[in-house]
Amino acid sequence: MTVKKLPEGFDWKAITPEDSPRTPMDVHADPVHQRLSTADLKAGDDCYDFESPVYDYSTGIEAATTKHFHLSEVASTKPVALIFGSYT
C-alpha cells in the first residue's frame, strides 16, 4: 500500500486544531483511511443504497415533496452516474 504524502511546504498546522490527537500525516498513514480513500468497486458491482428526499425547484424555491429517491430502485432499471463536486 502506498502512503500518500502532503505537498512540499504544506502548512498542516494551519488547518489542524491545536488539541487534535492526530496530524494529517497520521490520518494519511492510517490503513483504514487508505482503504476508504481508494475505490475497490468495478463496473457491474452492486451500488451502496441510499435514500434522499426529493425536492421541487420549479418555482425557484426549494420545496419538499413526499417523494424519496432510492438509488437501488433506479440502478436496478438503468445505469446511474453519481457526480460529486464542490461549487464553492
PDB file of N, CA and C in Angstrom:
ATOM      1  N   MET A   1       0.842  -1.176   0.000  1.00  0.00           N
ATOM      2  CA  MET A   1       0.000   0.000   0.000  1.00  0.00           C
ATOM      3  C   MET A   1       0.891   1.244   0.000  1.00  0.00           C
ATOM      4  N   THR A   2       0.567   2.186  -0.871  1.00  0.00           N
ATOM      5  CA  THR A   2       1.337   3.416  -0.968  1.00  0.00           C
ATOM      6  C   THR A   2       0.772   4.461  -0.012  1.00  0.00           C
ATOM      7  N   VAL A   3       1.647   5.056   0.780  1.00  0.00           N
ATOM      8  CA  VAL A   3       1.222   6.115   1.689  1.00  0.00           C
ATOM      9  C   VAL A   3       1.288   7.438   0.941  1.00  0.00           C
ATOM     10  N   LYS A   4       0.166   8.166   0.929  1.00  0.00           N
ATOM     11  CA  LYS A   4       0.133   9.458   0.260  1.00  0.00           C
ATOM     12  C   LYS A   4       0.868  10.491   1.099  1.00  0.00           C
ATOM     13  N   LYS A   5       1.569  11.380   0.423  1.00  0.00           N
ATOM     14  CA  LYS A   5       2.321  12.422   1.118  1.00  0.00           C
ATOM     15  C   LYS A   5       1.703  13.781   0.824  1.00  0.00           C
ATOM     16  N   LEU A   6       1.803  14.656   1.789  1.00  0.00           N
ATOM     17  CA  LEU A   6       1.322  16.016   1.604  1.00  0.00           C
ATOM     18  C   LEU A   6       2.292  16.782   0.709  1.00  0.00           C
ATOM     19  N   PRO A   7       1.792  17.782  -0.001  1.00  0.00           N
ATOM     20  CA  PRO A   7       2.665  18.570  -0.874  1.00  0.00           C
ATOM     21  C   PRO A   7       3.797  19.236  -0.080  1.00  0.00           C
ATOM     22  N   GLU A   8       4.944  19.363  -0.715  1.00  0.00           N
ATOM     23  CA  GLU A   8       6.105  20.024  -0.109  1.00  0.00           C
ATOM     24  C   GLU A   8       5.728  21.425   0.339  1.00  0.00           C
ATOM     25  N   GLY A   9       6.058  21.772   1.567  1.00  0.00           N
ATOM     26  CA  GLY A   9       5.789  23.094   2.101  1.00  0.00           C
ATOM     27  C   GLY A   9       4.371  23.291   2.618  1.00  0.00           C
ATOM     28  N   PHE A  10       3.541  22.246   2.582  1.00  0.00           N
ATOM     29  CA  PHE A  10       2.163  22.350   3.056  1.00  0.00           C
ATOM     30  C   PHE A  10       2.155  22.615   4.552  1.00  0.00           C
ATOM     31  N   ASP A  11       1.433  23.647   4.988  1.00  0.00           N
ATOM     32  CA  ASP A  11       1.383  24.021   6.400  1.00  0.00           C
ATOM     33  C   ASP A  11       0.219  23.306   7.081  1.00  0.00           C
ATOM     34  N   TRP A  12       0.434  22.066   7.514  1.00  0.00           N
ATOM     35  CA  TRP A  12      -0.636  21.285   8.119  1.00  0.00           C
ATOM     36  C   TRP A  12      -1.086  21.851   9.458  1.00  0.00           C
ATOM     37  N   LYS A  13      -0.214  22.589  10.130  1.00  0.00           N
ATOM     38  CA  LYS A  13      -0.594  23.167  11.424  1.00  0.00           C
ATOM     39  C   LYS A  13      -1.665  24.247  11.255  1.00  0.00           C
ATOM     40  N   ALA A  14      -1.716  24.871  10.080  1.00  0.00           N
ATOM     41  CA  ALA A  14      -2.689  25.926   9.830  1.00  0.00           C
ATOM     42  C   ALA A  14      -4.120  25.380   9.759  1.00  0.00           C
ATOM     43  N   ILE A  15      -4.279  24.088   9.443  1.00  0.00           N
ATOM     44  CA  ILE A  15      -5.620  23.515   9.306  1.00  0.00           C
ATOM     45  C   ILE A  15      -5.942  22.484  10.390  1.00  0.00           C
ATOM     46  N   THR A  16      -5.031  22.283  11.326  1.00  0.00           N
ATOM     47  CA  THR A  16      -5.215  21.281  12.370  1.00  0.00           C
ATOM     48  C   THR A  16      -5.395  21.959  13.720  1.00  0.00           C
ATOM     49  N   PRO A  17      -6.501  21.681  14.421  1.00  0.00           N
ATOM     50  CA  PRO A  17      -6.686  22.277  15.749  1.00  0.00           C
ATOM     51  C   PRO A  17      -5.549  21.876  16.685  1.00  0.00           C
ATOM     52  N   GLU A  18      -5.175  22.775  17.569  1.00  0.00           N
ATOM     53  CA  GLU A  18      -4.060  22.507  18.487  1.00  0.00           C
ATOM     54  C   GLU A  18      -4.292  21.283  19.359  1.00  0.00           C
ATOM     55  N   ASP A  19      -5.560  21.011  19.704  1.00  0.00           N
ATOM     56  CA  ASP A  19      -5.847  19.867  20.574  1.00  0.00           C
ATOM     57  C   ASP A  19      -6.114  18.576  19.798  1.00  0.00           C
ATOM     58  N   SER A  20      -5.864  18.589  18.482  1.00  0.00           N
ATOM     59  CA  SER A  20      -6.103  17.395  17.680  1.00  0.00           C
ATOM     60  C   SER A  20      -5.105  16.302  18.054  1.00  0.00           C
ATOM     61  N   PRO A  21      -5.597  15.068  18.291  1.00  0.00           N
ATOM     62  CA  PRO A  21      -4.698  13.981  18.643  1.00  0.00           C
ATOM     63  C   PRO A  21      -3.931  13.425  17.449  1.00  0.00           C
ATOM     64  N   ARG A  22      -4.342  13.802  16.229  1.00  0.00           N
ATOM     65  CA  ARG A  22      -3.701  13.275  15.023  1.00  0.00           C
ATOM     66  C   ARG A  22      -3.363  14.394  14.058  1.00  0.00           C
ATOM     67  N   THR A  23      -2.275  14.225  13.361  1.00  0.00           N
ATOM     68  CA  THR A  23      -1.888  15.163  12.314  1.00  0.00           C
ATOM     69  C   THR A  23      -2.413  14.633  10.979  1.00  0.00           C
ATOM     70  N   PRO A  24      -2.420  15.453   9.929  1.00  0.00           N
ATOM     71  CA  PRO A  24      -2.806  14.937   8.610  1.00  0.00           C
ATOM     72  C   PRO A  24      -1.920  13.765   8.174  1.00  0.00           C
ATOM     73  N   MET A  25      -0.649  13.784   8.554  1.00  0.00           N
ATOM     74  CA  MET A  25       0.250  12.688   8.188  1.00  0.00           C
ATOM     75  C   MET A  25      -0.195  11.391   8.865  1.00  0.00           C
ATOM     76  N   ASP A  26      -0.665  11.487  10.132  1.00  0.00           N
ATOM     77  CA  ASP A  26      -1.178  10.306  10.825  1.00  0.00           C
ATOM     78  C   ASP A  26      -2.393   9.737  10.096  1.00  0.00           C
ATOM     79  N   VAL A  27      -3.290  10.614   9.694  1.00  0.00           N
ATOM     80  CA  VAL A  27      -4.502  10.180   9.008  1.00  0.00           C
ATOM     81  C   VAL A  27      -4.152   9.512   7.681  1.00  0.00           C
ATOM     82  N   HIS A  28      -3.277  10.138   6.891  1.00  0.00           N
ATOM     83  CA  HIS A  28      -2.904   9.575   5.596  1.00  0.00           C
ATOM     84  C   HIS A  28      -2.171   8.243   5.727  1.00  0.00           C
ATOM     85  N   ALA A  29      -1.482   8.031   6.822  1.00  0.00           N
ATOM     86  CA  ALA A  29      -0.747   6.780   7.027  1.00  0.00           C
ATOM     87  C   ALA A  29      -1.629   5.666   7.592  1.00  0.00           C
ATOM     88  N   ASP A  30      -2.812   6.009   8.071  1.00  0.00           N
ATOM     89  CA  ASP A  30      -3.717   5.033   8.679  1.00  0.00           C
ATOM     90  C   ASP A  30      -4.262   4.085   7.608  1.00  0.00           C
ATOM     91  N   PRO A  31      -4.098   2.763   7.775  1.00  0.00           N
ATOM     92  CA  PRO A  31      -4.595   1.808   6.778  1.00  0.00           C
ATOM     93  C   PRO A  31      -6.099   1.901   6.542  1.00  0.00           C
ATOM     94  N   VAL A  32      -6.859   2.231   7.580  1.00  0.00           N
ATOM     95  CA  VAL A  32      -8.309   2.373   7.405  1.00  0.00           C
ATOM     96  C   VAL A  32      -8.598   3.527   6.456  1.00  0.00           C
ATOM     97  N   HIS A  33      -7.914   4.654   6.648  1.00  0.00           N
ATOM     98  CA  HIS A  33      -8.099   5.810   5.764  1.00  0.00           C
ATOM     99  C   HIS A  33      -7.673   5.454   4.342  1.00  0.00           C
ATOM    100  N   GLN A  34      -6.594   4.732   4.206  1.00  0.00           N
ATOM    101  CA  GLN A  34      -6.124   4.330   2.875  1.00  0.00           C
ATOM    102  C   GLN A  34      -7.190   3.520   2.151  1.00  0.00           C
ATOM    103  N   ARG A  35      -7.820   2.574   2.851  1.00  0.00           N
ATOM    104  CA  ARG A  35      -8.873   1.759   2.227  1.00  0.00           C
ATOM    105  C   ARG A  35     -10.075   2.617   1.840  1.00  0.00           C
ATOM    106  N   LEU A  36     -10.448   3.561   2.692  1.00  0.00           N
ATOM    107  CA  LEU A  36     -11.588   4.419   2.398  1.00  0.00           C
ATOM    108  C   LEU A  36     -11.323   5.370   1.240  1.00  0.00           C
ATOM    109  N   SER A  37     -10.080   5.769   1.056  1.00  0.00           N
ATOM    110  CA  SER A  37      -9.760   6.737   0.013  1.00  0.00           C
ATOM    111  C   SER A  37      -9.455   6.084  -1.330  1.00  0.00           C
ATOM    112  N   THR A  38      -9.527   4.759  -1.382  1.00  0.00           N
ATOM    113  CA  THR A  38      -9.240   4.043  -2.616  1.00  0.00           C
ATOM    114  C   THR A  38     -10.452   3.199  -2.992  1.00  0.00           C
ATOM    115  N   ALA A  39     -11.045   3.497  -4.124  1.00  0.00           N
ATOM    116  CA  ALA A  39     -12.230   2.750  -4.551  1.00  0.00           C
ATOM    117  C   ALA A  39     -11.870   1.298  -4.829  1.00  0.00           C
ATOM    118  N   ASP A  40     -12.694   0.396  -4.339  1.00  0.00           N
ATOM    119  CA  ASP A  40     -12.455  -1.018  -4.627  1.00  0.00           C
ATOM    120  C   ASP A  40     -13.643  -1.627  -5.367  1.00  0.00           C
ATOM    121  N   LEU A  41     -14.377  -0.787  -6.069  1.00  0.00           N
ATOM    122  CA  LEU A  41     -15.502  -1.236  -6.880  1.00  0.00           C
ATOM    123  C   LEU A  41     -15.098  -1.308  -8.340  1.00  0.00           C
ATOM    124  N   LYS A  42     -15.811  -2.134  -9.072  1.00  0.00           N
ATOM    125  CA  LYS A  42     -15.573  -2.209 -10.511  1.00  0.00           C
ATOM    126  C   LYS A  42     -16.923  -2.198 -11.224  1.00  0.00           C
ATOM    127  N   ALA A  43     -16.913  -1.978 -12.503  1.00  0.00           N
ATOM    128  CA  ALA A  43     -18.148  -1.939 -13.277  1.00  0.00           C
ATOM    129  C   ALA A  43     -18.948  -3.214 -13.039  1.00  0.00           C
ATOM    130  N   GLY A  44     -20.231  -3.046 -12.781  1.00  0.00           N
ATOM    131  CA  GLY A  44     -21.102  -4.191 -12.551  1.00  0.00           C
ATOM    132  C   GLY A  44     -21.322  -4.531 -11.095  1.00  0.00           C
ATOM    133  N   ASP A  45     -20.512  -3.975 -10.191  1.00  0.00           N
ATOM    134  CA  ASP A  45     -20.712  -4.220  -8.759  1.00  0.00           C
ATOM    135  C   ASP A  45     -22.009  -3.564  -8.303  1.00  0.00           C
ATOM    136  N   ASP A  46     -22.631  -4.156  -7.277  1.00  0.00           N
ATOM    137  CA  ASP A  46     -23.831  -3.556  -6.705  1.00  0.00           C
ATOM    138  C   ASP A  46     -23.491  -2.216  -6.066  1.00  0.00           C
ATOM    139  N   CYS A  47     -24.436  -1.287  -6.159  1.00  0.00           N
ATOM    140  CA  CYS A  47     -24.222   0.026  -5.571  1.00  0.00           C
ATOM    141  C   CYS A  47     -24.577   0.010  -4.090  1.00  0.00           C
ATOM    142  N   TYR A  48     -24.003   0.945  -3.362  1.00  0.00           N
ATOM    143  CA  TYR A  48     -24.387   1.160  -1.975  1.00  0.00           C
ATOM    144  C   TYR A  48     -25.700   1.921  -2.010  1.00  0.00           C
ATOM    145  N   ASP A  49     -26.709   1.371  -1.401  1.00  0.00           N
ATOM    146  CA  ASP A  49     -28.023   2.002  -1.467  1.00  0.00           C
ATOM    147  C   ASP A  49     -28.102   3.194  -0.514  1.00  0.00           C
ATOM    148  N   PHE A  50     -28.740   4.237  -0.962  1.00  0.00           N
ATOM    149  CA  PHE A  50     -29.052   5.350  -0.068  1.00  0.00           C
ATOM    150  C   PHE A  50     -30.384   5.944  -0.484  1.00  0.00           C
ATOM    151  N   GLU A  51     -30.959   6.669   0.434  1.00  0.00           N
ATOM    152  CA  GLU A  51     -32.255   7.304   0.221  1.00  0.00           C
ATOM    153  C   GLU A  51     -32.087   8.802   0.441  1.00  0.00           C
ATOM    154  N   SER A  52     -32.774   9.583  -0.387  1.00  0.00           N
ATOM    155  CA  SER A  52     -32.707  11.035  -0.246  1.00  0.00           C
ATOM    156  C   SER A  52     -34.069  11.626  -0.559  1.00  0.00           C
ATOM    157  N   PRO A  53     -34.483  12.645   0.193  1.00  0.00           N
ATOM    158  CA  PRO A  53     -35.750  13.301  -0.140  1.00  0.00           C
ATOM    159  C   PRO A  53     -35.654  13.967  -1.514  1.00  0.00           C
ATOM    160  N   VAL A  54     -36.781  14.066  -2.197  1.00  0.00           N
ATOM    161  CA  VAL A  54     -36.848  14.735  -3.492  1.00  0.00           C
ATOM    162  C   VAL A  54     -37.460  16.114  -3.264  1.00  0.00           C
ATOM    163  N   TYR A  55     -36.831  17.125  -3.830  1.00  0.00           N
ATOM    164  CA  TYR A  55     -37.307  18.498  -3.689  1.00  0.00           C
ATOM    165  C   TYR A  55     -37.804  19.015  -5.026  1.00  0.00           C
ATOM    166  N   ASP A  56     -38.724  19.961  -4.983  1.00  0.00           N
ATOM    167  CA  ASP A  56     -39.262  20.611  -6.174  1.00  0.00           C
ATOM    168  C   ASP A  56     -38.678  22.019  -6.244  1.00  0.00           C
ATOM    169  N   TYR A  57     -38.010  22.322  -7.357  1.00  0.00           N
ATOM    170  CA  TYR A  57     -37.405  23.646  -7.545  1.00  0.00           C
ATOM    171  C   TYR A  57     -38.084  24.404  -8.684  1.00  0.00           C
ATOM    172  N   SER A  58     -39.273  23.951  -9.117  1.00  0.00           N
ATOM    173  CA  SER A  58     -39.916  24.541 -10.288  1.00  0.00           C
ATOM    174  C   SER A  58     -40.270  26.017 -10.107  1.00  0.00           C
ATOM    175  N   THR A  59     -40.423  26.464  -8.871  1.00  0.00           N
ATOM    176  CA  THR A  59     -40.742  27.877  -8.632  1.00  0.00           C
ATOM    177  C   THR A  59     -39.487  28.698  -8.318  1.00  0.00           C
ATOM    178  N   GLY A  60     -38.339  28.033  -8.331  1.00  0.00           N
ATOM    179  CA  GLY A  60     -37.100  28.716  -7.984  1.00  0.00           C
ATOM    180  C   GLY A  60     -36.805  28.673  -6.495  1.00  0.00           C
ATOM    181  N   ILE A  61     -37.681  28.050  -5.741  1.00  0.00           N
ATOM    182  CA  ILE A  61     -37.515  27.922  -4.289  1.00  0.00           C
ATOM    183  C   ILE A  61     -37.572  26.439  -3.941  1.00  0.00           C
ATOM    184  N   GLU A  62     -36.711  26.018  -3.036  1.00  0.00           N
ATOM    185  CA  GLU A  62     -36.700  24.619  -2.617  1.00  0.00           C
ATOM    186  C   GLU A  62     -37.971  24.292  -1.846  1.00  0.00           C
ATOM    187  N   ALA A  63     -38.708  23.288  -2.331  1.00  0.00           N
ATOM    188  CA  ALA A  63     -39.938  22.849  -1.658  1.00  0.00           C
ATOM    189  C   ALA A  63     -39.887  21.339  -1.504  1.00  0.00           C
ATOM    190  N   ALA A  64     -40.051  20.850  -0.288  1.00  0.00           N
ATOM    191  CA  ALA A  64     -40.035  19.413  -0.032  1.00  0.00           C
ATOM    192  C   ALA A  64     -41.253  18.760  -0.675  1.00  0.00           C
ATOM    193  N   THR A  65     -41.058  17.559  -1.183  1.00  0.00           N
ATOM    194  CA  THR A  65     -42.172  16.755  -1.694  1.00  0.00           C
ATOM    195  C   THR A  65     -42.315  15.535  -0.777  1.00  0.00           C
ATOM    196  N   THR A  66     -43.283  14.718  -1.047  1.00  0.00           N
ATOM    197  CA  THR A  66     -43.445  13.493  -0.248  1.00  0.00           C
ATOM    198  C   THR A  66     -42.653  12.338  -0.852  1.00  0.00           C
ATOM    199  N   LYS A  67     -41.941  12.589  -1.951  1.00  0.00           N
ATOM    200  CA  LYS A  67     -41.204  11.530  -2.652  1.00  0.00           C
ATOM    201  C   LYS A  67     -39.802  11.364  -2.068  1.00  0.00           C
ATOM    202  N   HIS A  68     -39.259  10.155  -2.259  1.00  0.00           N
ATOM    203  CA  HIS A  68     -37.880   9.854  -1.868  1.00  0.00           C
ATOM    204  C   HIS A  68     -37.179   9.138  -3.010  1.00  0.00           C
ATOM    205  N   PHE A  69     -35.925   9.462  -3.231  1.00  0.00           N
ATOM    206  CA  PHE A  69     -35.086   8.823  -4.232  1.00  0.00           C
ATOM    207  C   PHE A  69     -34.356   7.663  -3.563  1.00  0.00           C
ATOM    208  N   HIS A  70     -34.440   6.477  -4.152  1.00  0.00           N
ATOM    209  CA  HIS A  70     -33.714   5.300  -3.673  1.00  0.00           C
ATOM    210  C   HIS A  70     -32.769   4.865  -4.783  1.00  0.00           C
ATOM    211  N   LEU A  71     -31.492   4.934  -4.538  1.00  0.00           N
ATOM    212  CA  LEU A  71     -30.512   4.585  -5.564  1.00  0.00           C
ATOM    213  C   LEU A  71     -30.713   3.166  -6.071  1.00  0.00           C
ATOM    214  N   SER A  72     -30.977   2.216  -5.185  1.00  0.00           N
ATOM    215  CA  SER A  72     -31.114   0.821  -5.609  1.00  0.00           C
ATOM    216  C   SER A  72     -32.286   0.632  -6.578  1.00  0.00           C
ATOM    217  N   GLU A  73     -33.369   1.384  -6.392  1.00  0.00           N
ATOM    218  CA  GLU A  73     -34.513   1.262  -7.297  1.00  0.00           C
ATOM    219  C   GLU A  73     -34.162   1.755  -8.695  1.00  0.00           C
ATOM    220  N   VAL A  74     -33.494   2.885  -8.776  1.00  0.00           N
ATOM    221  CA  VAL A  74     -33.133   3.449 -10.076  1.00  0.00           C
ATOM    222  C   VAL A  74     -32.052   2.597 -10.737  1.00  0.00           C
ATOM    223  N   ALA A  75     -31.047   2.187  -9.972  1.00  0.00           N
ATOM    224  CA  ALA A  75     -29.933   1.416 -10.527  1.00  0.00           C
ATOM    225  C   ALA A  75     -30.366   0.032 -10.994  1.00  0.00           C
ATOM    226  N   SER A  76     -31.488  -0.468 -10.497  1.00  0.00           N
ATOM    227  CA  SER A  76     -31.946  -1.793 -10.932  1.00  0.00           C
ATOM    228  C   SER A  76     -32.592  -1.739 -12.313  1.00  0.00           C
ATOM    229  N   THR A  77     -32.924  -0.540 -12.796  1.00  0.00           N
ATOM    230  CA  THR A  77     -33.594  -0.424 -14.089  1.00  0.00           C
ATOM    231  C   THR A  77     -32.773   0.271 -15.166  1.00  0.00           C
ATOM    232  N   LYS A  78     -31.754   1.057 -14.756  1.00  0.00           N
ATOM    233  CA  LYS A  78     -30.954   1.771 -15.753  1.00  0.00           C
ATOM    234  C   LYS A  78     -29.622   2.193 -15.132  1.00  0.00           C
ATOM    235  N   PRO A  79     -28.631   2.496 -15.972  1.00  0.00           N
ATOM    236  CA  PRO A  79     -27.334   2.948 -15.421  1.00  0.00           C
ATOM    237  C   PRO A  79     -27.471   4.273 -14.694  1.00  0.00           C
ATOM    238  N   VAL A  80     -26.656   4.437 -13.659  1.00  0.00           N
ATOM    239  CA  VAL A  80     -26.676   5.655 -12.852  1.00  0.00           C
ATOM    240  C   VAL A  80     -25.252   6.166 -12.716  1.00  0.00           C
ATOM    241  N   ALA A  81     -25.063   7.454 -12.903  1.00  0.00           N
ATOM    242  CA  ALA A  81     -23.761   8.090 -12.678  1.00  0.00           C
ATOM    243  C   ALA A  81     -23.932   9.102 -11.553  1.00  0.00           C
ATOM    244  N   LEU A  82     -23.115   8.969 -10.528  1.00  0.00           N
ATOM    245  CA  LEU A  82     -23.127   9.940  -9.420  1.00  0.00           C
ATOM    246  C   LEU A  82     -21.919  10.843  -9.579  1.00  0.00           C
ATOM    247  N   ILE A  83     -22.149  12.126  -9.516  1.00  0.00           N
ATOM    248  CA  ILE A  83     -21.065  13.107  -9.648  1.00  0.00           C
ATOM    249  C   ILE A  83     -20.989  13.908  -8.378  1.00  0.00           C
ATOM    250  N   PHE A  84     -19.823  13.865  -7.744  1.00  0.00           N
ATOM    251  CA  PHE A  84     -19.606  14.598  -6.505  1.00  0.00           C
ATOM    252  C   PHE A  84     -18.645  15.740  -6.793  1.00  0.00           C
ATOM    253  N   GLY A  85     -18.950  16.901  -6.297  1.00  0.00           N
ATOM    254  CA  GLY A  85     -18.083  18.032  -6.541  1.00  0.00           C
ATOM    255  C   GLY A  85     -18.432  19.180  -5.628  1.00  0.00           C
ATOM    256  N   SER A  86     -17.650  20.213  -5.744  1.00  0.00           N
ATOM    257  CA  SER A  86     -17.870  21.400  -4.941  1.00  0.00           C
ATOM    258  C   SER A  86     -18.004  22.592  -5.867  1.00  0.00           C
ATOM    259  N   TYR A  87     -18.957  23.424  -5.580  1.00  0.00           N
ATOM    260  CA  TYR A  87     -19.183  24.607  -6.392  1.00  0.00           C
ATOM    261  C   TYR A  87     -18.867  25.872  -5.608  1.00  0.00           C
ATOM    262  N   THR A  88     -18.009  25.747  -4.622  1.00  0.00           N
ATOM    263  CA  THR A  88     -17.655  26.909  -3.818  1.00  0.00           C
ATOM    264  C   THR A  88     -16.386  27.540  -4.322  1.00  0.00           C
TER     265      THR A  88
END
